[in-house]
Amino acid sequence: MRVILLGPAGSGKGTQADLIQKNYGFPKISTGDLLRKAVQEGTELGKKVHQEMKAGKLVADDIVLELVKERISAPDCRTGYVLDGFPRNLNQALLLEKIENHRLETVFEILITEEEILRRLSGRRVCLQCGAVYNINNNKPKVDGVCDICGSPLVIREDDKPEVIKERFRIYVETTKPLVEHYSRKKVLFQVDGQNSVEVIFKAIKSIIDRRISGAQGVSN
């Protein structure tokens, strides 16, 4: 099974991907992680990624797809995998289907309001020294503005400023609409309420994955 998670930054995609991996053994594949790894390893593909990132460009679809293609061909992806952050647009989805079109696909759209995203992300505080992440809404440091781990000052990232969050949300909605319509037509799209707790969201996701796996096994028997 290929599980795809759609949702804006701050919707909890990464958390749900971790829970799916833990529960089903499907490796979580994050394109951000793949891009960083390629750059660190200095592969030919990594050099191309580095050049585009250095120029402030979005990494081209064909380069991202090459990294994804390589990763999903690994033995641990045989029974399934979870894609977090890919595909980001309809073109990427169509390219993915070209390289692997036989796999059962289940797509979750995590629905969440712009107001809730603003509340979550604008509350985030990051330690630039050790990388620890806090949130003034639900994961406060012991001392306001100071990292519990190394005692360094906490900062608000540029990405977490309200005006930036709003623009990212607008771009997400714009680019995801054709993707949502595509998966709806294929009847593989399931919407879950991202305003709920992590546990409630995962319960809904697990119920759908279990039903899909059971249905596929019934067809193959």
C-alpha atoms as a PDB file:
ATOM      1  CA  MET A   1       0.000   0.000   0.000  1.00  0.00           C
ATOM      2  CA  ARG A   2       1.058   3.549  -0.767  1.00  0.00           C
ATOM      3  CA  VAL A   3      -0.235   6.002   1.855  1.00  0.00           C
ATOM      4  CA  ILE A   4      -0.143   9.686   0.912  1.00  0.00           C
ATOM      5  CA  LEU A   5      -0.727  12.427   3.472  1.00  0.00           C
ATOM      6  CA  LEU A   6      -1.938  15.822   2.262  1.00  0.00           C
ATOM      7  CA  GLY A   7      -2.139  18.821   4.565  1.00  0.00           C
ATOM      8  CA  PRO A   8      -0.546  22.232   5.101  1.00  0.00           C
ATOM      9  CA  ALA A   9       2.501  22.776   7.311  1.00  0.00           C
ATOM     10  CA  GLY A  10       1.359  22.434  10.919  1.00  0.00           C
ATOM     11  CA  SER A  11      -1.496  20.017  10.156  1.00  0.00           C
ATOM     12  CA  GLY A  12       0.256  17.079  11.838  1.00  0.00           C
ATOM     13  CA  LYS A  13       1.195  15.039   8.740  1.00  0.00           C
ATOM     14  CA  GLY A  14       4.588  14.086  10.148  1.00  0.00           C
ATOM     15  CA  THR A  15       3.106  12.873  13.445  1.00  0.00           C
ATOM     16  CA  GLN A  16       0.515  10.736  11.651  1.00  0.00           C
ATOM     17  CA  ALA A  17       3.177   9.349   9.296  1.00  0.00           C
ATOM     18  CA  ASP A  18       5.226   8.290  12.358  1.00  0.00           C
ATOM     19  CA  LEU A  19       2.184   6.539  13.860  1.00  0.00           C
ATOM     20  CA  ILE A  20       1.417   4.713  10.591  1.00  0.00           C
ATOM     21  CA  GLN A  21       5.047   3.590  10.394  1.00  0.00           C
ATOM     22  CA  LYS A  22       4.979   2.360  13.986  1.00  0.00           C
ATOM     23  CA  ASN A  23       1.665   0.533  13.568  1.00  0.00           C
ATOM     24  CA  TYR A  24       2.096  -1.031  10.102  1.00  0.00           C
ATOM     25  CA  GLY A  25       5.864  -1.043   9.544  1.00  0.00           C
ATOM     26  CA  PHE A  26       5.484   1.133   6.426  1.00  0.00           C
ATOM     27  CA  PRO A  27       8.598   3.342   6.241  1.00  0.00           C
ATOM     28  CA  LYS A  28       7.942   7.072   6.369  1.00  0.00           C
ATOM     29  CA  ILE A  29       9.399   8.810   3.329  1.00  0.00           C
ATOM     30  CA  SER A  30       9.892  12.565   3.633  1.00  0.00           C
ATOM     31  CA  THR A  31      11.099  14.331   0.504  1.00  0.00           C
ATOM     32  CA  GLY A  32      12.745  16.969   2.702  1.00  0.00           C
ATOM     33  CA  ASP A  33      14.813  14.235   4.385  1.00  0.00           C
ATOM     34  CA  LEU A  34      15.689  12.671   1.005  1.00  0.00           C
ATOM     35  CA  LEU A  35      16.863  16.016  -0.394  1.00  0.00           C
ATOM     36  CA  ARG A  36      19.016  16.783   2.659  1.00  0.00           C
ATOM     37  CA  LYS A  37      20.532  13.273   2.602  1.00  0.00           C
ATOM     38  CA  ALA A  38      21.408  13.553  -1.102  1.00  0.00           C
ATOM     39  CA  VAL A  39      23.140  16.903  -0.485  1.00  0.00           C
ATOM     40  CA  GLN A  40      25.062  15.550   2.529  1.00  0.00           C
ATOM     41  CA  GLU A  41      26.213  12.459   0.609  1.00  0.00           C
ATOM     42  CA  GLY A  42      27.367  14.573  -2.339  1.00  0.00           C
ATOM     43  CA  THR A  43      25.877  12.260  -4.984  1.00  0.00           C
ATOM     44  CA  GLU A  44      25.421  13.510  -8.564  1.00  0.00           C
ATOM     45  CA  LEU A  45      21.751  14.051  -7.795  1.00  0.00           C
ATOM     46  CA  GLY A  46      22.726  15.693  -4.506  1.00  0.00           C
ATOM     47  CA  LYS A  47      24.951  18.189  -6.336  1.00  0.00           C
ATOM     48  CA  LYS A  48      22.027  19.167  -8.598  1.00  0.00           C
ATOM     49  CA  VAL A  49      19.775  19.567  -5.534  1.00  0.00           C
ATOM     50  CA  HIS A  50      22.390  21.720  -3.802  1.00  0.00           C
ATOM     51  CA  GLN A  51      22.750  23.998  -6.845  1.00  0.00           C
ATOM     52  CA  GLU A  52      18.996  24.567  -7.066  1.00  0.00           C
ATOM     53  CA  MET A  53      18.628  25.146  -3.324  1.00  0.00           C
ATOM     54  CA  LYS A  54      21.592  27.562  -3.317  1.00  0.00           C
ATOM     55  CA  ALA A  55      19.954  29.527  -6.126  1.00  0.00           C
ATOM     56  CA  GLY A  56      16.781  29.762  -4.012  1.00  0.00           C
ATOM     57  CA  LYS A  57      14.779  27.654  -6.462  1.00  0.00           C
ATOM     58  CA  LEU A  58      12.267  24.913  -5.779  1.00  0.00           C
ATOM     59  CA  VAL A  59      13.874  21.573  -6.615  1.00  0.00           C
ATOM     60  CA  ALA A  60      12.573  20.380 -10.017  1.00  0.00           C
ATOM     61  CA  ASP A  61       9.907  17.633 -10.067  1.00  0.00           C
ATOM     62  CA  ASP A  62      12.095  15.219 -12.058  1.00  0.00           C
ATOM     63  CA  ILE A  63      14.914  15.438  -9.479  1.00  0.00           C
ATOM     64  CA  VAL A  64      12.537  14.898  -6.531  1.00  0.00           C
ATOM     65  CA  LEU A  65      10.913  12.001  -8.381  1.00  0.00           C
ATOM     66  CA  GLU A  66      14.303  10.368  -9.007  1.00  0.00           C
ATOM     67  CA  LEU A  67      15.017  10.419  -5.267  1.00  0.00           C
ATOM     68  CA  VAL A  68      11.549   9.037  -4.440  1.00  0.00           C
ATOM     69  CA  LYS A  69      11.875   6.338  -7.124  1.00  0.00           C
ATOM     70  CA  GLU A  70      15.194   5.180  -5.687  1.00  0.00           C
ATOM     71  CA  ARG A  71      13.803   5.115  -2.126  1.00  0.00           C
ATOM     72  CA  ILE A  72      10.569   3.218  -2.869  1.00  0.00           C
ATOM     73  CA  SER A  73      12.498   0.510  -4.717  1.00  0.00           C
ATOM     74  CA  ALA A  74      14.252  -0.430  -1.425  1.00  0.00           C
ATOM     75  CA  PRO A  75      13.304  -3.796   0.164  1.00  0.00           C
ATOM     76  CA  ASP A  76      11.662  -2.208   3.230  1.00  0.00           C
ATOM     77  CA  CYS A  77       9.032  -0.590   0.958  1.00  0.00           C
ATOM     78  CA  ARG A  78       7.837  -3.895  -0.482  1.00  0.00           C
ATOM     79  CA  THR A  79       4.637  -4.131   1.587  1.00  0.00           C
ATOM     80  CA  GLY A  80       3.993  -0.403   1.793  1.00  0.00           C
ATOM     81  CA  TYR A  81       5.256   3.072   2.563  1.00  0.00           C
ATOM     82  CA  VAL A  82       4.013   6.489   3.683  1.00  0.00           C
ATOM     83  CA  LEU A  83       4.745   9.642   1.675  1.00  0.00           C
ATOM     84  CA  ASP A  84       5.008  12.825   3.746  1.00  0.00           C
ATOM     85  CA  GLY A  85       5.363  15.968   1.624  1.00  0.00           C
ATOM     86  CA  PHE A  86       5.032  14.273  -1.767  1.00  0.00           C
ATOM     87  CA  PRO A  87       3.349  14.633  -4.191  1.00  0.00           C
ATOM     88  CA  ARG A  88       2.955  18.409  -3.802  1.00  0.00           C
ATOM     89  CA  ASN A  89       1.214  18.977  -7.120  1.00  0.00           C
ATOM     90  CA  LEU A  90      -0.697  17.105  -9.832  1.00  0.00           C
ATOM     91  CA  ASN A  91       2.350  16.729 -12.078  1.00  0.00           C
ATOM     92  CA  GLN A  92       4.275  14.939  -9.310  1.00  0.00           C
ATOM     93  CA  ALA A  93       1.287  12.636  -8.672  1.00  0.00           C
ATOM     94  CA  LEU A  94       1.064  11.655 -12.351  1.00  0.00           C
ATOM     95  CA  LEU A  95       4.822  11.037 -12.555  1.00  0.00           C
ATOM     96  CA  LEU A  96       4.639   8.852  -9.432  1.00  0.00           C
ATOM     97  CA  GLU A  97       1.826   6.797 -10.942  1.00  0.00           C
ATOM     98  CA  LYS A  98       3.900   6.254 -14.085  1.00  0.00           C
ATOM     99  CA  ILE A  99       6.798   4.698 -12.192  1.00  0.00           C
ATOM    100  CA  GLU A 100       4.592   2.593  -9.886  1.00  0.00           C
ATOM    101  CA  ASN A 101       0.967   2.145 -10.872  1.00  0.00           C
ATOM    102  CA  HIS A 102       0.205  -1.316  -9.486  1.00  0.00           C
ATOM    103  CA  ARG A 103       0.131  -0.445  -5.784  1.00  0.00           C
ATOM    104  CA  LEU A 104      -3.016   0.033  -3.703  1.00  0.00           C
ATOM    105  CA  GLU A 105      -3.199   3.750  -2.950  1.00  0.00           C
ATOM    106  CA  THR A 106      -4.797   5.479   0.045  1.00  0.00           C
ATOM    107  CA  VAL A 107      -4.717   9.264   0.281  1.00  0.00           C
ATOM    108  CA  PHE A 108      -5.611  11.237   3.401  1.00  0.00           C
ATOM    109  CA  GLU A 109      -6.398  14.938   3.272  1.00  0.00           C
ATOM    110  CA  ILE A 110      -6.000  16.427   6.746  1.00  0.00           C
ATOM    111  CA  LEU A 111      -8.522  19.275   6.931  1.00  0.00           C
ATOM    112  CA  ILE A 112      -7.608  22.202   9.144  1.00  0.00           C
ATOM    113  CA  THR A 113      -8.463  25.894   9.253  1.00  0.00           C
ATOM    114  CA  GLU A 114      -6.019  28.707   8.562  1.00  0.00           C
ATOM    115  CA  GLU A 115      -6.752  30.054  12.059  1.00  0.00           C
ATOM    116  CA  GLU A 116      -5.679  26.789  13.698  1.00  0.00           C
ATOM    117  CA  ILE A 117      -2.512  26.618  11.580  1.00  0.00           C
ATOM    118  CA  LEU A 118      -1.690  30.186  12.638  1.00  0.00           C
ATOM    119  CA  ARG A 119      -2.248  29.301  16.290  1.00  0.00           C
ATOM    120  CA  ARG A 120      -0.036  26.212  16.091  1.00  0.00           C
ATOM    121  CA  LEU A 121       2.854  27.582  14.045  1.00  0.00           C
ATOM    122  CA  SER A 122       3.038  31.073  15.499  1.00  0.00           C
ATOM    123  CA  GLY A 123       3.399  29.435  18.922  1.00  0.00           C
ATOM    124  CA  ARG A 124       6.473  27.472  17.833  1.00  0.00           C
ATOM    125  CA  ARG A 125       9.843  28.378  19.362  1.00  0.00           C
ATOM    126  CA  VAL A 126      13.144  26.880  18.197  1.00  0.00           C
ATOM    127  CA  CYS A 127      16.589  26.586  19.773  1.00  0.00           C
ATOM    128  CA  LEU A 128      19.188  27.384  17.104  1.00  0.00           C
ATOM    129  CA  GLN A 129      21.914  25.865  19.263  1.00  0.00           C
ATOM    130  CA  CYS A 130      20.629  22.291  19.766  1.00  0.00           C
ATOM    131  CA  GLY A 131      17.572  22.184  17.474  1.00  0.00           C
ATOM    132  CA  ALA A 132      14.980  21.567  20.215  1.00  0.00           C
ATOM    133  CA  VAL A 133      11.445  22.667  19.320  1.00  0.00           C
ATOM    134  CA  TYR A 134       8.834  24.011  21.755  1.00  0.00           C
ATOM    135  CA  ASN A 135       5.344  25.453  21.464  1.00  0.00           C
ATOM    136  CA  ILE A 136       3.900  28.053  23.822  1.00  0.00           C
ATOM    137  CA  ASN A 137       0.441  26.483  23.353  1.00  0.00           C
ATOM    138  CA  ASN A 138       1.154  22.885  24.344  1.00  0.00           C
ATOM    139  CA  ASN A 139       4.872  22.271  24.896  1.00  0.00           C
ATOM    140  CA  LYS A 140       6.270  25.231  26.822  1.00  0.00           C
ATOM    141  CA  PRO A 141       9.899  25.427  27.998  1.00  0.00           C
ATOM    142  CA  LYS A 142      10.364  25.459  31.782  1.00  0.00           C
ATOM    143  CA  VAL A 143      11.664  29.041  31.587  1.00  0.00           C
ATOM    144  CA  ASP A 144       9.987  31.329  29.064  1.00  0.00           C
ATOM    145  CA  GLY A 145      12.223  31.912  26.030  1.00  0.00           C
ATOM    146  CA  VAL A 146      15.001  29.580  27.223  1.00  0.00           C
ATOM    147  CA  CYS A 147      15.829  26.065  25.972  1.00  0.00           C
ATOM    148  CA  ASP A 148      15.420  23.346  28.621  1.00  0.00           C
ATOM    149  CA  ILE A 149      18.260  21.302  27.126  1.00  0.00           C
ATOM    150  CA  CYS A 150      21.112  23.763  26.561  1.00  0.00           C
ATOM    151  CA  GLY A 151      19.903  27.053  28.083  1.00  0.00           C
ATOM    152  CA  SER A 152      20.166  28.983  24.802  1.00  0.00           C
ATOM    153  CA  PRO A 153      17.585  31.617  23.780  1.00  0.00           C
ATOM    154  CA  LEU A 154      14.571  30.402  21.793  1.00  0.00           C
ATOM    155  CA  VAL A 155      13.593  32.160  18.571  1.00  0.00           C
ATOM    156  CA  ILE A 156      10.655  32.374  16.174  1.00  0.00           C
ATOM    157  CA  ARG A 157      11.701  31.110  12.734  1.00  0.00           C
ATOM    158  CA  GLU A 158      11.021  33.333   9.719  1.00  0.00           C
ATOM    159  CA  ASP A 159       8.701  30.583   8.409  1.00  0.00           C
ATOM    160  CA  ASP A 160       6.588  30.832  11.575  1.00  0.00           C
ATOM    161  CA  LYS A 161       5.752  34.532  11.303  1.00  0.00           C
ATOM    162  CA  PRO A 162       2.000  35.140  10.689  1.00  0.00           C
ATOM    163  CA  GLU A 163       2.381  36.801   7.284  1.00  0.00           C
ATOM    164  CA  VAL A 164       4.592  33.940   6.032  1.00  0.00           C
ATOM    165  CA  ILE A 165       2.230  31.276   7.435  1.00  0.00           C
ATOM    166  CA  LYS A 166      -0.745  32.881   5.637  1.00  0.00           C
ATOM    167  CA  GLU A 167       1.103  32.980   2.317  1.00  0.00           C
ATOM    168  CA  ARG A 168       2.238  29.352   2.639  1.00  0.00           C
ATOM    169  CA  PHE A 169      -1.337  28.310   3.448  1.00  0.00           C
ATOM    170  CA  ARG A 170      -2.639  30.168   0.366  1.00  0.00           C
ATOM    171  CA  ILE A 171      -0.061  28.480  -1.889  1.00  0.00           C
ATOM    172  CA  TYR A 172      -0.849  25.080  -0.356  1.00  0.00           C
ATOM    173  CA  VAL A 173      -4.597  25.425  -1.060  1.00  0.00           C
ATOM    174  CA  GLU A 174      -3.929  26.636  -4.612  1.00  0.00           C
ATOM    175  CA  THR A 175      -1.512  23.853  -5.582  1.00  0.00           C
ATOM    176  CA  THR A 176      -3.346  21.064  -3.761  1.00  0.00           C
ATOM    177  CA  LYS A 177      -6.800  21.638  -5.253  1.00  0.00           C
ATOM    178  CA  PRO A 178      -6.054  19.795  -8.570  1.00  0.00           C
ATOM    179  CA  LEU A 179      -4.382  17.014  -6.562  1.00  0.00           C
ATOM    180  CA  VAL A 180      -7.447  16.564  -4.331  1.00  0.00           C
ATOM    181  CA  GLU A 181      -9.721  16.499  -7.403  1.00  0.00           C
ATOM    182  CA  HIS A 182      -7.471  13.880  -9.047  1.00  0.00           C
ATOM    183  CA  TYR A 183      -7.534  11.538  -6.046  1.00  0.00           C
ATOM    184  CA  SER A 184     -11.281  12.102  -5.597  1.00  0.00           C
ATOM    185  CA  ARG A 185     -11.884  10.964  -9.174  1.00  0.00           C
ATOM    186  CA  LYS A 186      -9.800   7.842  -8.457  1.00  0.00           C
ATOM    187  CA  LYS A 187     -11.926   7.231  -5.330  1.00  0.00           C
ATOM    188  CA  VAL A 188      -8.851   6.857  -3.118  1.00  0.00           C
ATOM    189  CA  LEU A 189      -9.196  10.134  -1.165  1.00  0.00           C
ATOM    190  CA  PHE A 190     -10.313  10.177   2.477  1.00  0.00           C
ATOM    191  CA  GLN A 191     -10.733  13.373   4.491  1.00  0.00           C
ATOM    192  CA  VAL A 192      -9.973  13.522   8.212  1.00  0.00           C
ATOM    193  CA  ASP A 193     -10.597  16.347  10.667  1.00  0.00           C
ATOM    194  CA  GLY A 194      -7.195  17.803  11.566  1.00  0.00           C
ATOM    195  CA  GLN A 195      -8.708  19.895  14.374  1.00  0.00           C
ATOM    196  CA  ASN A 196      -9.070  16.725  16.489  1.00  0.00           C
ATOM    197  CA  SER A 197      -6.447  15.282  18.823  1.00  0.00           C
ATOM    198  CA  VAL A 198      -3.558  13.209  17.435  1.00  0.00           C
ATOM    199  CA  GLU A 199      -5.167  10.039  18.849  1.00  0.00           C
ATOM    200  CA  VAL A 200      -8.606  10.691  17.319  1.00  0.00           C
ATOM    201  CA  ILE A 201      -7.088  11.494  13.911  1.00  0.00           C
ATOM    202  CA  PHE A 202      -4.988   8.326  13.932  1.00  0.00           C
ATOM    203  CA  LYS A 203      -7.971   6.209  14.964  1.00  0.00           C
ATOM    204  CA  ALA A 204      -9.839   7.464  11.870  1.00  0.00           C
ATOM    205  CA  ILE A 205      -6.814   6.862   9.617  1.00  0.00           C
ATOM    206  CA  LYS A 206      -6.193   3.370  11.035  1.00  0.00           C
ATOM    207  CA  SER A 207      -9.820   2.370  10.521  1.00  0.00           C
ATOM    208  CA  ILE A 208      -9.630   3.318   6.830  1.00  0.00           C
ATOM    209  CA  ILE A 209      -6.240   1.647   6.239  1.00  0.00           C
ATOM    210  CA  ASP A 210      -7.447  -1.571   7.931  1.00  0.00           C
ATOM    211  CA  ARG A 211     -10.586  -1.585   5.794  1.00  0.00           C
ATOM    212  CA  ARG A 212      -8.583  -1.003   2.596  1.00  0.00           C
ATOM    213  CA  ILE A 213      -6.065  -3.752   3.394  1.00  0.00           C
ATOM    214  CA  SER A 214      -8.861  -6.176   4.288  1.00  0.00           C
ATOM    215  CA  GLY A 215     -10.712  -5.353   1.054  1.00  0.00           C
ATOM    216  CA  ALA A 216      -7.585  -5.864  -1.057  1.00  0.00           C
ATOM    217  CA  GLN A 217      -6.882  -9.227   0.592  1.00  0.00           C
ATOM    218  CA  GLY A 218     -10.465 -10.283  -0.065  1.00  0.00           C
ATOM    219  CA  VAL A 219     -10.104  -9.481  -3.776  1.00  0.00           C
ATOM    220  CA  SER A 220      -6.804 -11.387  -4.073  1.00  0.00           C
ATOM    221  CA  ASN A 221      -8.159 -14.535  -2.348  1.00  0.00           C
END
